[in-house]
């Protein structure tokens, strides 16, 4: 069963409470999302470290309930 967008948003909001999060359902099937996450949590982190934080926020559901997620991360300063 696909992950509802509300569940995805909940996981990301829990991990990044200060974040501005925009989620798009790319295929209209609740199974392929794109997320843009702007948070101070990413300040000073490499792309790999940011990737790991987002995957940790998904609590092991990537590849299961959540089939595909493309994401972009940035800080409020734009980096």
N, C-alpha and C. Protein backbone atom coordinates (compact mmCIF):
# COMPACT_ATOMS: atom_id res chain seq x y z
N UNK A 1 0.85 -1.18 0.00
CA UNK A 1 0.00 0.00 0.00
C UNK A 1 0.89 1.25 0.00
N UNK A 2 0.60 2.22 -0.84
CA UNK A 2 1.41 3.44 -0.91
C UNK A 2 1.33 4.26 0.38
N UNK A 3 2.34 5.09 0.58
CA UNK A 3 2.37 5.97 1.74
C UNK A 3 1.57 7.24 1.44
N UNK A 4 0.57 7.56 2.25
CA UNK A 4 -0.16 8.81 2.04
C UNK A 4 0.76 10.02 2.23
N UNK A 5 0.50 11.07 1.48
CA UNK A 5 1.33 12.27 1.56
C UNK A 5 1.33 12.83 2.99
N UNK A 6 0.24 12.68 3.72
CA UNK A 6 0.17 13.18 5.10
C UNK A 6 1.17 12.44 5.99
N UNK A 7 1.35 11.15 5.75
CA UNK A 7 2.32 10.36 6.52
C UNK A 7 3.74 10.81 6.19
N UNK A 8 4.02 10.98 4.92
CA UNK A 8 5.33 11.46 4.50
C UNK A 8 5.62 12.82 5.12
N UNK A 9 4.67 13.74 5.03
CA UNK A 9 4.85 15.07 5.62
C UNK A 9 5.06 14.97 7.13
N UNK A 10 4.34 14.08 7.79
CA UNK A 10 4.49 13.89 9.23
C UNK A 10 5.89 13.45 9.60
N UNK A 11 6.45 12.48 8.87
CA UNK A 11 7.81 12.02 9.15
C UNK A 11 8.82 13.15 8.97
N UNK A 12 8.67 13.90 7.89
CA UNK A 12 9.62 14.99 7.61
C UNK A 12 9.47 16.12 8.62
N UNK A 13 8.24 16.45 8.99
CA UNK A 13 8.01 17.51 9.97
C UNK A 13 8.54 17.12 11.35
N UNK A 14 8.38 15.86 11.70
CA UNK A 14 8.91 15.38 12.99
C UNK A 14 10.43 15.51 13.03
N UNK A 15 11.09 15.16 11.94
CA UNK A 15 12.55 15.20 11.89
C UNK A 15 13.10 16.62 11.71
N UNK A 16 12.34 17.47 11.02
CA UNK A 16 12.79 18.83 10.72
C UNK A 16 11.68 19.81 11.09
N UNK A 17 11.46 20.03 12.40
CA UNK A 17 10.31 20.82 12.85
C UNK A 17 10.30 22.27 12.35
N UNK A 18 11.46 22.82 12.03
CA UNK A 18 11.51 24.21 11.57
C UNK A 18 11.38 24.32 10.05
N UNK A 19 11.24 23.19 9.38
CA UNK A 19 11.34 23.15 7.92
C UNK A 19 10.14 23.72 7.19
N UNK A 20 10.45 24.25 6.03
CA UNK A 20 9.45 24.55 5.02
C UNK A 20 9.49 23.35 4.07
N UNK A 21 8.38 22.66 3.94
CA UNK A 21 8.34 21.41 3.17
C UNK A 21 7.27 21.51 2.10
N UNK A 22 7.68 21.23 0.87
CA UNK A 22 6.74 21.18 -0.25
C UNK A 22 6.84 19.78 -0.85
N UNK A 23 5.71 19.10 -0.95
CA UNK A 23 5.68 17.74 -1.49
C UNK A 23 4.77 17.71 -2.71
N UNK A 24 5.29 17.14 -3.78
CA UNK A 24 4.51 16.95 -5.01
C UNK A 24 4.36 15.45 -5.26
N UNK A 25 3.16 15.04 -5.63
CA UNK A 25 2.90 13.66 -6.04
C UNK A 25 3.15 13.61 -7.54
N UNK A 26 4.27 13.06 -7.94
CA UNK A 26 4.71 13.14 -9.33
C UNK A 26 3.86 12.35 -10.30
N UNK A 27 3.31 11.23 -9.87
CA UNK A 27 2.55 10.37 -10.79
C UNK A 27 1.06 10.33 -10.46
N UNK A 28 0.67 11.00 -9.38
CA UNK A 28 -0.74 10.98 -8.98
C UNK A 28 -1.18 9.66 -8.38
N UNK A 29 -0.20 8.83 -8.01
CA UNK A 29 -0.53 7.50 -7.50
C UNK A 29 -0.18 7.30 -6.02
N UNK A 30 0.30 8.36 -5.36
CA UNK A 30 0.68 8.23 -3.96
C UNK A 30 1.90 7.36 -3.74
N UNK A 31 2.68 7.17 -4.78
CA UNK A 31 3.81 6.26 -4.71
C UNK A 31 5.12 6.88 -5.20
N UNK A 32 5.03 8.03 -5.84
CA UNK A 32 6.21 8.71 -6.40
C UNK A 32 6.14 10.19 -6.03
N UNK A 33 6.99 10.59 -5.09
CA UNK A 33 6.94 11.95 -4.58
C UNK A 33 8.25 12.71 -4.85
N UNK A 34 8.10 14.03 -4.85
CA UNK A 34 9.26 14.92 -4.81
C UNK A 34 9.04 15.83 -3.60
N UNK A 35 10.08 15.98 -2.79
CA UNK A 35 10.00 16.85 -1.62
C UNK A 35 11.11 17.88 -1.67
N UNK A 36 10.74 19.11 -1.37
CA UNK A 36 11.72 20.18 -1.20
C UNK A 36 11.68 20.56 0.28
N UNK A 37 12.83 20.45 0.93
CA UNK A 37 12.92 20.64 2.37
C UNK A 37 13.93 21.74 2.65
N UNK A 38 13.47 22.82 3.28
CA UNK A 38 14.35 23.93 3.67
C UNK A 38 14.39 23.95 5.19
N UNK A 39 15.58 23.72 5.75
CA UNK A 39 15.70 23.62 7.21
C UNK A 39 17.08 24.05 7.68
N UNK A 40 17.13 24.61 8.86
CA UNK A 40 18.42 24.95 9.47
C UNK A 40 19.20 23.69 9.83
N UNK A 41 18.53 22.54 9.90
CA UNK A 41 19.20 21.28 10.23
C UNK A 41 20.27 20.92 9.21
N UNK A 42 20.18 21.47 8.01
CA UNK A 42 21.12 21.14 6.94
C UNK A 42 22.35 22.06 6.91
N UNK A 43 22.37 23.06 7.77
CA UNK A 43 23.48 24.02 7.77
C UNK A 43 24.81 23.31 8.05
N UNK A 44 25.78 23.56 7.17
CA UNK A 44 27.11 23.02 7.35
C UNK A 44 27.26 21.55 6.98
N UNK A 45 26.21 20.93 6.48
CA UNK A 45 26.27 19.51 6.15
C UNK A 45 26.52 19.29 4.66
N UNK A 46 27.22 18.21 4.36
CA UNK A 46 27.44 17.82 2.97
C UNK A 46 26.14 17.26 2.40
N UNK A 47 26.13 17.11 1.08
CA UNK A 47 24.97 16.52 0.42
C UNK A 47 24.70 15.11 0.95
N UNK A 48 25.76 14.35 1.17
CA UNK A 48 25.61 12.98 1.67
C UNK A 48 25.02 12.98 3.08
N UNK A 49 25.48 13.87 3.94
CA UNK A 49 24.95 13.95 5.31
C UNK A 49 23.47 14.34 5.29
N UNK A 50 23.10 15.25 4.40
CA UNK A 50 21.69 15.65 4.28
C UNK A 50 20.85 14.46 3.81
N UNK A 51 21.36 13.73 2.83
CA UNK A 51 20.68 12.54 2.30
C UNK A 51 20.42 11.55 3.43
N UNK A 52 21.42 11.33 4.26
CA UNK A 52 21.27 10.39 5.38
C UNK A 52 20.23 10.86 6.38
N UNK A 53 20.19 12.16 6.65
CA UNK A 53 19.19 12.69 7.58
C UNK A 53 17.77 12.47 7.07
N UNK A 54 17.57 12.73 5.79
CA UNK A 54 16.23 12.56 5.21
C UNK A 54 15.85 11.08 5.23
N UNK A 55 16.77 10.21 4.86
CA UNK A 55 16.45 8.78 4.89
C UNK A 55 16.17 8.30 6.31
N UNK A 56 16.89 8.80 7.29
CA UNK A 56 16.63 8.44 8.68
C UNK A 56 15.23 8.90 9.10
N UNK A 57 14.82 10.05 8.62
CA UNK A 57 13.49 10.58 8.95
C UNK A 57 12.38 9.68 8.43
N UNK A 58 12.66 8.92 7.38
CA UNK A 58 11.64 8.05 6.78
C UNK A 58 11.50 6.72 7.50
N UNK A 59 12.31 6.50 8.51
CA UNK A 59 12.18 5.36 9.43
C UNK A 59 12.13 4.02 8.72
N UNK A 60 13.01 3.85 7.73
CA UNK A 60 13.12 2.57 7.06
C UNK A 60 12.01 2.24 6.08
N UNK A 61 11.15 3.20 5.77
CA UNK A 61 10.02 2.91 4.90
C UNK A 61 10.33 3.16 3.42
N UNK A 62 11.51 3.71 3.12
CA UNK A 62 11.89 3.91 1.73
C UNK A 62 12.05 2.56 1.06
N UNK A 63 11.43 2.37 -0.08
CA UNK A 63 11.48 1.10 -0.79
C UNK A 63 10.38 0.15 -0.35
N UNK A 64 9.67 0.50 0.71
CA UNK A 64 8.55 -0.30 1.16
C UNK A 64 7.27 0.46 0.87
N UNK A 65 6.71 1.06 1.93
CA UNK A 65 5.51 1.89 1.74
C UNK A 65 5.78 3.05 0.80
N UNK A 66 6.97 3.58 0.87
CA UNK A 66 7.36 4.71 0.04
C UNK A 66 8.22 4.18 -1.09
N UNK A 67 7.64 4.08 -2.26
CA UNK A 67 8.34 3.48 -3.40
C UNK A 67 9.44 4.39 -3.93
N UNK A 68 9.14 5.66 -4.17
CA UNK A 68 10.12 6.56 -4.78
C UNK A 68 9.98 7.97 -4.22
N UNK A 69 11.11 8.53 -3.82
CA UNK A 69 11.14 9.90 -3.34
C UNK A 69 12.38 10.58 -3.89
N UNK A 70 12.15 11.65 -4.61
CA UNK A 70 13.22 12.53 -5.04
C UNK A 70 13.16 13.72 -4.10
N UNK A 71 14.30 14.16 -3.60
CA UNK A 71 14.22 15.30 -2.70
C UNK A 71 15.37 16.27 -2.92
N UNK A 72 15.08 17.52 -2.58
CA UNK A 72 16.06 18.60 -2.62
C UNK A 72 16.11 19.16 -1.20
N UNK A 73 17.31 19.43 -0.73
CA UNK A 73 17.46 20.02 0.60
C UNK A 73 18.21 21.33 0.48
N UNK A 74 17.86 22.27 1.33
CA UNK A 74 18.60 23.53 1.40
C UNK A 74 18.37 24.15 2.77
N UNK A 75 19.15 25.17 3.04
CA UNK A 75 19.00 25.93 4.29
C UNK A 75 18.23 27.20 3.97
N UNK A 76 17.75 27.90 5.00
CA UNK A 76 17.07 29.16 4.75
C UNK A 76 17.96 30.18 4.01
N UNK A 77 19.27 30.03 4.15
CA UNK A 77 20.21 30.93 3.45
C UNK A 77 20.37 30.53 1.98
N UNK A 78 19.81 29.39 1.60
CA UNK A 78 19.84 28.97 0.21
C UNK A 78 20.95 28.03 -0.18
N UNK A 79 21.73 27.53 0.78
CA UNK A 79 22.80 26.59 0.42
C UNK A 79 22.43 25.17 0.74
